[in-house]
PDB file of N, CA and C in Angstrom:
ATOM      1  N   MET A   1     183.216   1.486  73.916  1.00  0.00           N
ATOM      2  CA  MET A   1     183.529   2.758  74.113  1.00  0.00           C
ATOM      3  C   MET A   1     182.631   2.899  75.712  1.00  0.00           C
ATOM      4  N   ILE A   2     181.304   2.687  75.634  1.00  0.00           N
ATOM      5  CA  ILE A   2     180.532   2.795  76.723  1.00  0.00           C
ATOM      6  C   ILE A   2     180.193   1.730  77.660  1.00  0.00           C
ATOM      7  N   ALA A   3     179.973   0.379  77.001  1.00  0.00           N
ATOM      8  CA  ALA A   3     179.924  -0.457  77.220  1.00  0.00           C
ATOM      9  C   ALA A   3     180.707  -1.093  78.841  1.00  0.00           C
ATOM     10  N   THR A   4     181.600  -0.997  78.163  1.00  0.00           N
ATOM     11  CA  THR A   4     182.845  -1.534  79.051  1.00  0.00           C
ATOM     12  C   THR A   4     183.029  -0.930  80.917  1.00  0.00           C
ATOM     13  N   PRO A   5     182.923   0.484  80.115  1.00  0.00           N
ATOM     14  CA  PRO A   5     182.867   1.175  82.026  1.00  0.00           C
ATOM     15  C   PRO A   5     181.476   0.981  82.514  1.00  0.00           C
ATOM     16  N   MET A   6     180.277   0.823  81.604  1.00  0.00           N
ATOM     17  CA  MET A   6     178.548   0.754  82.363  1.00  0.00           C
ATOM     18  C   MET A   6     179.112  -0.925  82.861  1.00  0.00           C
ATOM     19  N   ARG A   7     179.247  -2.040  82.086  1.00  0.00           N
ATOM     20  CA  ARG A   7     179.816  -3.012  82.780  1.00  0.00           C
ATOM     21  C   ARG A   7     180.391  -2.828  84.389  1.00  0.00           C
ATOM     22  N   GLN A   8     181.794  -2.007  84.456  1.00  0.00           N
ATOM     23  CA  GLN A   8     182.208  -2.373  85.394  1.00  0.00           C
ATOM     24  C   GLN A   8     181.920  -1.549  86.588  1.00  0.00           C
ATOM     25  N   TYR A   9     180.695  -0.391  86.244  1.00  0.00           N
ATOM     26  CA  TYR A   9     180.154   0.609  86.920  1.00  0.00           C
ATOM     27  C   TYR A   9     179.009  -0.522  87.634  1.00  0.00           C
ATOM     28  N   LEU A  10     178.077  -1.032  86.685  1.00  0.00           N
ATOM     29  CA  LEU A  10     176.943  -1.460  87.107  1.00  0.00           C
ATOM     30  C   LEU A  10     177.095  -3.096  87.527  1.00  0.00           C
ATOM     31  N   GLY A  11     178.185  -3.827  87.376  1.00  0.00           N
ATOM     32  CA  GLY A  11     178.439  -5.251  87.492  1.00  0.00           C
ATOM     33  C   GLY A  11     177.609  -5.727  86.614  1.00  0.00           C
ATOM     34  N   GLY A  12     177.535  -7.335  86.955  1.00  0.00           N
ATOM     35  CA  GLY A  12     176.757  -8.336  86.412  1.00  0.00           C
ATOM     36  C   GLY A  12     175.180  -8.498  86.240  1.00  0.00           C
ATOM     37  N   GLU A  13     174.659  -7.260  87.196  1.00  0.00           N
ATOM     38  CA  GLU A  13     173.504  -7.488  87.625  1.00  0.00           C
ATOM     39  C   GLU A  13     172.645  -6.611  86.779  1.00  0.00           C
ATOM     40  N   GLN A  14     173.366  -5.890  85.819  1.00  0.00           N
ATOM     41  CA  GLN A  14     172.236  -5.098  84.823  1.00  0.00           C
ATOM     42  C   GLN A  14     172.675  -5.489  83.311  1.00  0.00           C
ATOM     43  N   GLU A  15     173.605  -6.743  83.644  1.00  0.00           N
ATOM     44  CA  GLU A  15     173.987  -7.150  82.026  1.00  0.00           C
ATOM     45  C   GLU A  15     172.862  -6.821  80.832  1.00  0.00           C
ATOM     46  N   ALA A  16     171.658  -7.480  81.329  1.00  0.00           N
ATOM     47  CA  ALA A  16     170.769  -7.448  80.321  1.00  0.00           C
ATOM     48  C   ALA A  16     170.304  -5.953  79.670  1.00  0.00           C
ATOM     49  N   VAL A  17     170.288  -4.909  80.453  1.00  0.00           N
ATOM     50  CA  VAL A  17     169.901  -3.824  80.140  1.00  0.00           C
ATOM     51  C   VAL A  17     170.755  -3.079  79.623  1.00  0.00           C
ATOM     52  N   ILE A  18     172.306  -3.289  79.677  1.00  0.00           N
ATOM     53  CA  ILE A  18     172.817  -2.647  79.241  1.00  0.00           C
ATOM     54  C   ILE A  18     173.199  -1.982  77.893  1.00  0.00           C
ATOM     55  N   ASP A  19     172.467  -3.224  76.948  1.00  0.00           N
ATOM     56  CA  ASP A  19     172.232  -3.291  75.729  1.00  0.00           C
ATOM     57  C   ASP A  19     171.034  -2.115  75.108  1.00  0.00           C
ATOM     58  N   TYR A  20     170.273  -1.773  75.898  1.00  0.00           N
ATOM     59  CA  TYR A  20     169.702  -0.883  75.534  1.00  0.00           C
ATOM     60  C   TYR A  20     169.998   0.537  75.819  1.00  0.00           C
ATOM     61  N   TRP A  21     170.915   0.735  76.450  1.00  0.00           N
ATOM     62  CA  TRP A  21     171.785   2.139  76.890  1.00  0.00           C
ATOM     63  C   TRP A  21     171.980   2.637  75.473  1.00  0.00           C
ATOM     64  N   PRO A  22     172.894   2.238  74.370  1.00  0.00           N
ATOM     65  CA  PRO A  22     172.786   3.151  72.858  1.00  0.00           C
ATOM     66  C   PRO A  22     171.789   3.600  72.401  1.00  0.00           C
ATOM     67  N   THR A  23     170.867   2.574  72.273  1.00  0.00           N
ATOM     68  CA  THR A  23     169.797   3.178  71.704  1.00  0.00           C
ATOM     69  C   THR A  23     168.898   4.086  72.299  1.00  0.00           C
ATOM     70  N   ALA A  24     168.940   4.112  73.570  1.00  0.00           N
ATOM     71  CA  ALA A  24     168.108   5.393  74.285  1.00  0.00           C
ATOM     72  C   ALA A  24     169.019   6.645  74.196  1.00  0.00           C
ATOM     73  N   ALA A  25     170.300   6.232  74.230  1.00  0.00           N
ATOM     74  CA  ALA A  25     171.051   7.605  74.332  1.00  0.00           C
ATOM     75  C   ALA A  25     171.147   8.092  72.938  1.00  0.00           C
ATOM     76  N   ILE A  26     170.560   7.180  71.891  1.00  0.00           N
ATOM     77  CA  ILE A  26     170.542   8.021  70.546  1.00  0.00           C
ATOM     78  C   ILE A  26     169.641   8.798  70.677  1.00  0.00           C
ATOM     79  N   GLY A  27     168.537   8.220  71.173  1.00  0.00           N
ATOM     80  CA  GLY A  27     167.065   8.130  71.127  1.00  0.00           C
ATOM     81  C   GLY A  27     166.969   9.937  72.058  1.00  0.00           C
ATOM     82  N   LEU A  28     167.625  10.111  73.044  1.00  0.00           N
ATOM     83  CA  LEU A  28     167.781  11.265  74.020  1.00  0.00           C
ATOM     84  C   LEU A  28     168.515  12.483  73.120  1.00  0.00           C
ATOM     85  N   VAL A  29     169.220  12.037  72.201  1.00  0.00           N
ATOM     86  CA  VAL A  29     170.172  12.892  71.885  1.00  0.00           C
ATOM     87  C   VAL A  29     169.216  13.579  70.313  1.00  0.00           C
ATOM     88  N   ARG A  30     169.108  12.857  69.668  1.00  0.00           N
ATOM     89  CA  ARG A  30     168.492  13.001  68.441  1.00  0.00           C
ATOM     90  C   ARG A  30     167.001  14.015  68.920  1.00  0.00           C
ATOM     91  N   ASN A  31     166.218  13.256  69.682  1.00  0.00           N
ATOM     92  CA  ASN A  31     164.869  14.018  69.899  1.00  0.00           C
ATOM     93  C   ASN A  31     165.361  15.519  70.477  1.00  0.00           C
ATOM     94  N   ALA A  32     166.385  15.508  71.658  1.00  0.00           N
ATOM     95  CA  ALA A  32     166.687  16.748  71.829  1.00  0.00           C
ATOM     96  C   ALA A  32     167.001  17.478  71.196  1.00  0.00           C
ATOM     97  N   GLY A  33     168.047  17.319  70.486  1.00  0.00           N
ATOM     98  CA  GLY A  33     168.595  17.912  69.124  1.00  0.00           C
ATOM     99  C   GLY A  33     167.390  18.707  68.457  1.00  0.00           C
ATOM    100  N   GLU A  34     166.499  17.646  67.834  1.00  0.00           N
ATOM    101  CA  GLU A  34     165.166  18.160  67.067  1.00  0.00           C
ATOM    102  C   GLU A  34     164.532  19.370  67.659  1.00  0.00           C
ATOM    103  N   MET A  35     164.282  19.139  68.982  1.00  0.00           N
ATOM    104  CA  MET A  35     163.327  19.805  69.516  1.00  0.00           C
ATOM    105  C   MET A  35     164.185  21.204  69.864  1.00  0.00           C
ATOM    106  N   TRP A  36     165.291  21.173  70.041  1.00  0.00           N
ATOM    107  CA  TRP A  36     166.251  22.557  69.909  1.00  0.00           C
ATOM    108  C   TRP A  36     166.358  23.010  68.899  1.00  0.00           C
ATOM    109  N   LEU A  37     166.295  22.479  67.686  1.00  0.00           N
ATOM    110  CA  LEU A  37     166.545  23.281  66.526  1.00  0.00           C
ATOM    111  C   LEU A  37     164.987  23.865  66.120  1.00  0.00           C
ATOM    112  N   GLY A  38     163.960  23.325  66.869  1.00  0.00           N
ATOM    113  CA  GLY A  38     162.613  23.495  66.326  1.00  0.00           C
ATOM    114  C   GLY A  38     161.880  24.572  67.119  1.00  0.00           C
ATOM    115  N   SER A  39     163.020  24.972  67.935  1.00  0.00           N
ATOM    116  CA  SER A  39     162.344  25.792  69.080  1.00  0.00           C
ATOM    117  C   SER A  39     162.703  27.374  68.711  1.00  0.00           C
ATOM    118  N   ALA A  40     161.734  28.304  68.862  1.00  0.00           N
ATOM    119  CA  ALA A  40     161.922  29.274  68.575  1.00  0.00           C
ATOM    120  C   ALA A  40     163.091  29.968  69.375  1.00  0.00           C
ATOM    121  N   PRO A  41     163.658  30.982  68.990  1.00  0.00           N
ATOM    122  CA  PRO A  41     165.132  31.640  69.586  1.00  0.00           C
ATOM    123  C   PRO A  41     164.265  32.762  70.758  1.00  0.00           C
ATOM    124  N   GLY A  42     164.917  32.693  72.025  1.00  0.00           N
ATOM    125  CA  GLY A  42     164.368  33.253  72.733  1.00  0.00           C
ATOM    126  C   GLY A  42     165.176  33.322  73.721  1.00  0.00           C
ATOM    127  N   PRO A  43     165.211  33.911  74.946  1.00  0.00           N
ATOM    128  CA  PRO A  43     166.030  34.159  76.184  1.00  0.00           C
ATOM    129  C   PRO A  43     165.611  32.859  76.950  1.00  0.00           C
ATOM    130  N   SER A  44     164.719  31.819  76.841  1.00  0.00           N
ATOM    131  CA  SER A  44     164.828  30.480  77.374  1.00  0.00           C
ATOM    132  C   SER A  44     165.312  29.309  76.789  1.00  0.00           C
ATOM    133  N   LYS A  45     165.910  29.592  75.374  1.00  0.00           N
ATOM    134  CA  LYS A  45     166.634  28.809  74.496  1.00  0.00           C
ATOM    135  C   LYS A  45     167.739  28.790  74.676  1.00  0.00           C
ATOM    136  N   PRO A  46     168.734  27.832  75.167  1.00  0.00           N
ATOM    137  CA  PRO A  46     169.931  27.720  75.667  1.00  0.00           C
ATOM    138  C   PRO A  46     171.183  27.829  74.235  1.00  0.00           C
ATOM    139  N   ASP A  47     171.825  28.196  74.284  1.00  0.00           N
ATOM    140  CA  ASP A  47     172.982  28.432  73.287  1.00  0.00           C
ATOM    141  C   ASP A  47     173.257  27.149  72.646  1.00  0.00           C
ATOM    142  N   GLN A  48     174.068  26.721  71.651  1.00  0.00           N
ATOM    143  CA  GLN A  48     174.459  25.324  71.339  1.00  0.00           C
ATOM    144  C   GLN A  48     175.538  24.701  72.344  1.00  0.00           C
ATOM    145  N   ALA A  49     176.238  25.697  72.953  1.00  0.00           N
ATOM    146  CA  ALA A  49     177.056  24.746  73.755  1.00  0.00           C
ATOM    147  C   ALA A  49     176.904  24.650  74.942  1.00  0.00           C
ATOM    148  N   THR A  50     175.699  25.472  75.695  1.00  0.00           N
ATOM    149  CA  THR A  50     174.868  24.914  76.602  1.00  0.00           C
ATOM    150  C   THR A  50     174.314  23.658  76.409  1.00  0.00           C
ATOM    151  N   MET A  51     173.242  23.706  75.009  1.00  0.00           N
ATOM    152  CA  MET A  51     172.373  22.328  75.050  1.00  0.00           C
ATOM    153  C   MET A  51     173.445  21.129  74.934  1.00  0.00           C
ATOM    154  N   ALA A  52     174.459  21.135  74.118  1.00  0.00           N
ATOM    155  CA  ALA A  52     175.426  20.243  74.113  1.00  0.00           C
ATOM    156  C   ALA A  52     176.005  19.901  75.520  1.00  0.00           C
ATOM    157  N   ALA A  53     176.211  20.637  76.272  1.00  0.00           N
ATOM    158  CA  ALA A  53     176.137  20.374  77.805  1.00  0.00           C
ATOM    159  C   ALA A  53     175.564  19.594  78.613  1.00  0.00           C
ATOM    160  N   ASN A  54     173.860  20.225  78.261  1.00  0.00           N
ATOM    161  CA  ASN A  54     173.268  19.464  78.875  1.00  0.00           C
ATOM    162  C   ASN A  54     172.930  18.267  78.777  1.00  0.00           C
ATOM    163  N   ILE A  55     172.832  18.079  77.551  1.00  0.00           N
ATOM    164  CA  ILE A  55     172.734  16.484  76.959  1.00  0.00           C
ATOM    165  C   ILE A  55     173.821  15.603  77.278  1.00  0.00           C
ATOM    166  N   THR A  56     174.945  15.991  77.265  1.00  0.00           N
ATOM    167  CA  THR A  56     176.153  15.388  77.898  1.00  0.00           C
ATOM    168  C   THR A  56     175.946  15.086  79.426  1.00  0.00           C
ATOM    169  N   ASP A  57     175.536  15.618  79.905  1.00  0.00           N
ATOM    170  CA  ASP A  57     175.658  15.463  81.551  1.00  0.00           C
ATOM    171  C   ASP A  57     174.054  14.744  81.632  1.00  0.00           C
ATOM    172  N   TRP A  58     173.170  15.115  80.973  1.00  0.00           N
ATOM    173  CA  TRP A  58     171.915  13.789  80.969  1.00  0.00           C
ATOM    174  C   TRP A  58     172.818  12.608  80.757  1.00  0.00           C
ATOM    175  N   LEU A  59     173.189  12.424  79.584  1.00  0.00           N
ATOM    176  CA  LEU A  59     173.783  11.169  79.279  1.00  0.00           C
ATOM    177  C   LEU A  59     174.509   9.992  80.264  1.00  0.00           C
ATOM    178  N   CYS A  60     175.375  10.969  81.104  1.00  0.00           N
ATOM    179  CA  CYS A  60     176.851  10.796  81.714  1.00  0.00           C
ATOM    180  C   CYS A  60     176.422  10.685  83.049  1.00  0.00           C
ATOM    181  N   LEU A  61     175.511  11.780  83.324  1.00  0.00           N
ATOM    182  CA  LEU A  61     175.502  11.977  84.787  1.00  0.00           C
ATOM    183  C   LEU A  61     174.001  11.688  85.187  1.00  0.00           C
ATOM    184  N   GLY A  62     172.908  11.885  84.478  1.00  0.00           N
ATOM    185  CA  GLY A  62     171.711  12.136  84.871  1.00  0.00           C
ATOM    186  C   GLY A  62     171.296  13.201  84.680  1.00  0.00           C
ATOM    187  N   ILE A  63     169.595  13.514  85.286  1.00  0.00           N
ATOM    188  CA  ILE A  63     169.411  15.001  85.050  1.00  0.00           C
ATOM    189  C   ILE A  63     169.148  15.343  86.821  1.00  0.00           C
ATOM    190  N   ALA A  64     170.049  14.914  87.844  1.00  0.00           N
ATOM    191  CA  ALA A  64     170.173  15.507  88.675  1.00  0.00           C
ATOM    192  C   ALA A  64     171.701  15.385  89.122  1.00  0.00           C
ATOM    193  N   PRO A  65     172.737  15.892  88.648  1.00  0.00           N
ATOM    194  CA  PRO A  65     174.178  15.413  88.824  1.00  0.00           C
ATOM    195  C   PRO A  65     174.319  15.738  90.412  1.00  0.00           C
ATOM    196  N   GLN A  66     173.874  17.023  90.863  1.00  0.00           N
ATOM    197  CA  GLN A  66     174.167  17.412  92.156  1.00  0.00           C
ATOM    198  C   GLN A  66     173.709  16.634  93.186  1.00  0.00           C
ATOM    199  N   LEU A  67     173.078  15.455  92.655  1.00  0.00           N
ATOM    200  CA  LEU A  67     172.469  14.668  93.929  1.00  0.00           C
ATOM    201  C   LEU A  67     173.242  13.337  94.148  1.00  0.00           C
ATOM    202  N   GLY A  68     174.081  13.404  93.600  1.00  0.00           N
ATOM    203  CA  GLY A  68     175.157  12.045  93.549  1.00  0.00           C
ATOM    204  C   GLY A  68     176.376  12.195  92.666  1.00  0.00           C
ATOM    205  N   THR A  69     177.229  11.402  92.757  1.00  0.00           N
ATOM    206  CA  THR A  69     178.851  11.289  91.913  1.00  0.00           C
ATOM    207  C   THR A  69     178.506   9.810  91.528  1.00  0.00           C
ATOM    208  N   ILE A  70     179.149   9.719  90.229  1.00  0.00           N
ATOM    209  CA  ILE A  70     179.756   8.335  89.729  1.00  0.00           C
ATOM    210  C   ILE A  70     181.204   8.268  90.606  1.00  0.00           C
ATOM    211  N   PRO A  71     181.311   6.718  90.891  1.00  0.00           N
ATOM    212  CA  PRO A  71     182.649   6.777  91.379  1.00  0.00           C
ATOM    213  C   PRO A  71     183.930   6.565  90.468  1.00  0.00           C
TER     214      PRO A  71
END
């Protein structure tokens, strides 16, 4: 589901690193989720929907999506 669009977007130049992306993505989601679950409630802790949206943005758009767009 992810590898095909990544190959189309990145082209053959990045073929070797595409296989690392699923493992990196799982690590990001798991670690961010565990950190969120373990953090104390408070005004700086995002709600569940916001955290899920943040993680999705990080995975699909990067940490600064406002700096560029995906064609």
